[in-house]
């Protein structure tokens, strides 16, 4: 994220001071919705050896993606080849 100027910092401070985020009832607030979205993205977990984990992390950093995105891309490529 680029650094902000003093004026931009002041504008953000004023905005959030005058209009603080309000939590919603029954999981309708911002943080509850974000937590639910993140939980939906990570449907299951798998265990891999350290070599595979290092490979995935290196590929993810190089592509500016998450390791889950790299795995998803690999699976989609393999499924496309199989068809």
N, C-alpha and C. Protein backbone atom coordinates (compact mmCIF):
# COMPACT_ATOMS: atom_id res chain seq x y z
N UNK A 1 0.84 -1.16 0.00
CA UNK A 1 0.00 0.00 0.00
C UNK A 1 0.89 1.23 0.00
N UNK A 2 0.64 2.18 -0.87
CA UNK A 2 1.48 3.37 -0.91
C UNK A 2 1.31 4.20 0.36
N UNK A 3 2.38 4.92 0.68
CA UNK A 3 2.33 5.78 1.85
C UNK A 3 1.39 6.95 1.58
N UNK A 4 0.71 7.39 2.61
CA UNK A 4 -0.25 8.48 2.48
C UNK A 4 0.38 9.81 2.89
N UNK A 5 -0.18 10.87 2.37
CA UNK A 5 0.27 12.21 2.78
C UNK A 5 -0.40 12.56 4.10
N UNK A 6 0.07 13.62 4.72
CA UNK A 6 -0.53 14.06 5.98
C UNK A 6 -2.01 14.41 5.80
N UNK A 7 -2.35 15.01 4.67
CA UNK A 7 -3.74 15.37 4.41
C UNK A 7 -4.61 14.12 4.29
N UNK A 8 -4.07 13.09 3.63
CA UNK A 8 -4.83 11.85 3.49
C UNK A 8 -5.01 11.15 4.83
N UNK A 9 -3.94 11.17 5.65
CA UNK A 9 -4.05 10.60 7.00
C UNK A 9 -5.12 11.34 7.80
N UNK A 10 -5.10 12.66 7.72
CA UNK A 10 -6.08 13.46 8.45
C UNK A 10 -7.50 13.18 7.96
N UNK A 11 -7.67 13.04 6.65
CA UNK A 11 -9.00 12.76 6.10
C UNK A 11 -9.51 11.41 6.57
N UNK A 12 -8.63 10.39 6.56
CA UNK A 12 -9.04 9.06 7.04
C UNK A 12 -9.35 9.09 8.53
N UNK A 13 -8.52 9.78 9.30
CA UNK A 13 -8.77 9.88 10.73
C UNK A 13 -10.12 10.53 11.00
N UNK A 14 -10.40 11.61 10.30
CA UNK A 14 -11.67 12.30 10.48
C UNK A 14 -12.84 11.42 10.07
N UNK A 15 -12.70 10.72 8.94
CA UNK A 15 -13.78 9.85 8.46
C UNK A 15 -14.12 8.78 9.49
N UNK A 16 -13.10 8.06 9.99
CA UNK A 16 -13.37 6.96 10.91
C UNK A 16 -13.69 7.44 12.32
N UNK A 17 -13.27 8.65 12.67
CA UNK A 17 -13.63 9.19 13.98
C UNK A 17 -15.10 9.59 13.99
N UNK A 18 -15.55 10.21 12.91
CA UNK A 18 -16.95 10.65 12.83
C UNK A 18 -17.90 9.51 12.48
N UNK A 19 -17.42 8.49 11.77
CA UNK A 19 -18.27 7.38 11.32
C UNK A 19 -17.62 6.04 11.67
N UNK A 20 -17.58 5.68 12.95
CA UNK A 20 -16.94 4.42 13.31
C UNK A 20 -17.75 3.23 12.76
N UNK A 21 -17.08 2.13 12.41
CA UNK A 21 -17.82 0.96 11.93
C UNK A 21 -18.70 0.40 13.04
N UNK A 22 -19.88 -0.03 12.67
CA UNK A 22 -20.82 -0.55 13.65
C UNK A 22 -21.01 -2.05 13.41
N UNK A 23 -20.83 -2.86 14.45
CA UNK A 23 -21.06 -4.29 14.27
C UNK A 23 -22.55 -4.57 14.11
N UNK A 24 -22.85 -5.50 13.25
CA UNK A 24 -24.24 -5.86 13.02
C UNK A 24 -24.66 -7.05 13.89
N UNK A 25 -25.94 -7.20 14.10
CA UNK A 25 -26.41 -8.34 14.90
C UNK A 25 -26.37 -9.63 14.09
N UNK A 26 -26.20 -10.73 14.76
CA UNK A 26 -26.29 -12.06 14.15
C UNK A 26 -25.32 -12.27 12.99
N UNK A 27 -24.09 -11.80 13.13
CA UNK A 27 -23.09 -12.06 12.11
C UNK A 27 -23.20 -11.23 10.86
N UNK A 28 -23.87 -10.09 10.92
CA UNK A 28 -24.01 -9.27 9.73
C UNK A 28 -22.99 -8.13 9.68
N UNK A 29 -22.12 -8.04 10.68
CA UNK A 29 -21.10 -6.99 10.71
C UNK A 29 -19.94 -7.31 9.78
N UNK A 30 -19.07 -6.33 9.61
CA UNK A 30 -17.94 -6.44 8.69
C UNK A 30 -17.03 -7.60 9.05
N UNK A 31 -16.60 -7.69 10.31
CA UNK A 31 -15.65 -8.72 10.71
C UNK A 31 -16.26 -10.11 10.64
N UNK A 32 -17.53 -10.25 10.99
CA UNK A 32 -18.20 -11.55 10.91
C UNK A 32 -18.32 -12.01 9.46
N UNK A 33 -18.63 -11.08 8.56
CA UNK A 33 -18.73 -11.43 7.15
C UNK A 33 -17.37 -11.80 6.58
N UNK A 34 -16.33 -11.07 6.98
CA UNK A 34 -14.98 -11.38 6.50
C UNK A 34 -14.53 -12.75 7.01
N UNK A 35 -14.81 -13.04 8.26
CA UNK A 35 -14.43 -14.34 8.83
C UNK A 35 -15.15 -15.46 8.10
N UNK A 36 -16.43 -15.28 7.80
CA UNK A 36 -17.18 -16.30 7.07
C UNK A 36 -16.64 -16.49 5.66
N UNK A 37 -16.26 -15.40 5.00
CA UNK A 37 -15.71 -15.50 3.65
C UNK A 37 -14.38 -16.24 3.65
N UNK A 38 -13.54 -15.96 4.63
CA UNK A 38 -12.25 -16.64 4.73
C UNK A 38 -12.43 -18.12 5.06
N UNK A 39 -13.41 -18.43 5.89
CA UNK A 39 -13.68 -19.83 6.23
C UNK A 39 -14.18 -20.59 5.01
N UNK A 40 -14.96 -19.94 4.17
CA UNK A 40 -15.47 -20.59 2.96
C UNK A 40 -14.35 -20.85 1.96
N UNK A 41 -13.34 -19.98 1.94
CA UNK A 41 -12.22 -20.16 1.03
C UNK A 41 -11.35 -21.33 1.44
N UNK A 42 -11.16 -21.53 2.70
CA UNK A 42 -10.31 -22.62 3.18
C UNK A 42 -11.18 -23.79 3.61
N UNK A 43 -11.71 -24.49 2.63
CA UNK A 43 -12.67 -25.55 2.90
C UNK A 43 -12.02 -26.73 3.61
N UNK A 44 -10.77 -27.05 3.27
CA UNK A 44 -10.10 -28.16 3.94
C UNK A 44 -8.61 -27.90 3.97
N UNK A 45 -7.92 -28.65 4.78
CA UNK A 45 -6.47 -28.50 4.85
C UNK A 45 -5.82 -29.84 4.55
N UNK A 46 -4.62 -29.77 4.02
CA UNK A 46 -3.87 -30.98 3.72
C UNK A 46 -2.47 -30.83 4.32
N UNK A 47 -1.80 -31.95 4.50
CA UNK A 47 -0.45 -31.93 5.02
C UNK A 47 0.50 -32.28 3.89
N UNK A 48 1.54 -31.48 3.73
CA UNK A 48 2.55 -31.73 2.71
C UNK A 48 3.92 -31.72 3.37
N UNK A 49 4.89 -32.32 2.69
CA UNK A 49 6.24 -32.34 3.23
C UNK A 49 6.87 -30.95 3.08
N UNK A 50 7.99 -30.74 3.73
CA UNK A 50 8.61 -29.42 3.74
C UNK A 50 9.11 -29.01 2.35
N UNK A 51 9.57 -29.95 1.54
CA UNK A 51 10.03 -29.62 0.19
C UNK A 51 8.87 -29.06 -0.64
N UNK A 52 7.71 -29.72 -0.57
CA UNK A 52 6.53 -29.27 -1.31
C UNK A 52 6.06 -27.91 -0.79
N UNK A 53 6.07 -27.73 0.51
CA UNK A 53 5.65 -26.46 1.10
C UNK A 53 6.58 -25.33 0.65
N UNK A 54 7.88 -25.59 0.66
CA UNK A 54 8.84 -24.57 0.22
C UNK A 54 8.63 -24.23 -1.25
N UNK A 55 8.38 -25.25 -2.06
CA UNK A 55 8.14 -25.04 -3.50
C UNK A 55 6.90 -24.18 -3.71
N UNK A 56 5.82 -24.52 -3.01
CA UNK A 56 4.58 -23.75 -3.15
C UNK A 56 4.77 -22.30 -2.70
N UNK A 57 5.47 -22.10 -1.61
CA UNK A 57 5.70 -20.74 -1.12
C UNK A 57 6.56 -19.94 -2.11
N UNK A 58 7.57 -20.58 -2.69
CA UNK A 58 8.42 -19.89 -3.65
C UNK A 58 7.63 -19.52 -4.91
N UNK A 59 6.82 -20.47 -5.41
CA UNK A 59 5.99 -20.18 -6.58
C UNK A 59 4.98 -19.08 -6.27
N UNK A 60 4.39 -19.11 -5.09
CA UNK A 60 3.38 -18.12 -4.71
C UNK A 60 4.01 -16.73 -4.61
N UNK A 61 5.17 -16.64 -4.00
CA UNK A 61 5.83 -15.33 -3.89
C UNK A 61 6.21 -14.79 -5.26
N UNK A 62 6.71 -15.66 -6.14
CA UNK A 62 7.12 -15.23 -7.47
C UNK A 62 5.93 -14.74 -8.29
N UNK A 63 4.77 -15.38 -8.11
CA UNK A 63 3.58 -15.03 -8.88
C UNK A 63 2.68 -14.02 -8.17
N UNK A 64 3.07 -13.61 -6.95
CA UNK A 64 2.26 -12.69 -6.14
C UNK A 64 0.87 -13.26 -5.92
N UNK A 65 0.82 -14.54 -5.57
CA UNK A 65 -0.42 -15.24 -5.27
C UNK A 65 -0.28 -15.94 -3.94
N UNK A 66 -1.37 -16.57 -3.51
CA UNK A 66 -1.31 -17.38 -2.30
C UNK A 66 -0.98 -18.82 -2.69
N UNK A 67 -0.46 -19.62 -1.77
CA UNK A 67 -0.22 -21.03 -2.08
C UNK A 67 -1.50 -21.75 -2.52
N UNK A 68 -2.64 -21.37 -1.95
CA UNK A 68 -3.91 -21.98 -2.36
C UNK A 68 -4.22 -21.67 -3.81
N UNK A 69 -3.90 -20.46 -4.27
CA UNK A 69 -4.11 -20.10 -5.67
C UNK A 69 -3.22 -20.93 -6.58
N UNK A 70 -1.97 -21.15 -6.16
CA UNK A 70 -1.04 -21.95 -6.96
C UNK A 70 -1.56 -23.38 -7.08
N UNK A 71 -2.02 -23.95 -5.98
CA UNK A 71 -2.56 -25.31 -6.02
C UNK A 71 -3.80 -25.36 -6.90
N UNK A 72 -4.67 -24.39 -6.77
CA UNK A 72 -5.88 -24.34 -7.59
C UNK A 72 -5.52 -24.27 -9.07
N UNK A 73 -4.54 -23.43 -9.42
CA UNK A 73 -4.11 -23.34 -10.82
C UNK A 73 -3.56 -24.68 -11.32
N UNK A 74 -2.76 -25.35 -10.48
CA UNK A 74 -2.20 -26.65 -10.88
C UNK A 74 -3.29 -27.69 -11.12
N UNK A 75 -4.27 -27.71 -10.23
CA UNK A 75 -5.37 -28.67 -10.37
C UNK A 75 -6.18 -28.38 -11.63
N UNK A 76 -6.46 -27.11 -11.87
CA UNK A 76 -7.23 -26.75 -13.07
C UNK A 76 -6.48 -27.11 -14.34
N UNK A 77 -5.15 -26.91 -14.35
CA UNK A 77 -4.35 -27.29 -15.51
C UNK A 77 -4.41 -28.79 -15.75
N UNK A 78 -4.28 -29.57 -14.67
CA UNK A 78 -4.32 -31.03 -14.80
C UNK A 78 -5.68 -31.51 -15.27
N UNK A 79 -6.74 -30.86 -14.81
CA UNK A 79 -8.08 -31.25 -15.23
C UNK A 79 -8.30 -30.90 -16.70
N UNK A 80 -7.76 -29.78 -17.15
CA UNK A 80 -7.87 -29.39 -18.55
C UNK A 80 -7.12 -30.36 -19.46
N UNK A 81 -5.97 -30.84 -19.00
CA UNK A 81 -5.18 -31.80 -19.78
C UNK A 81 -5.92 -33.14 -19.85
N UNK A 82 -6.59 -33.52 -18.76
CA UNK A 82 -7.29 -34.80 -18.71
C UNK A 82 -8.51 -34.81 -19.63
N UNK A 83 -9.07 -33.67 -19.89
CA UNK A 83 -10.26 -33.61 -20.76
C UNK A 83 -9.77 -33.57 -22.15
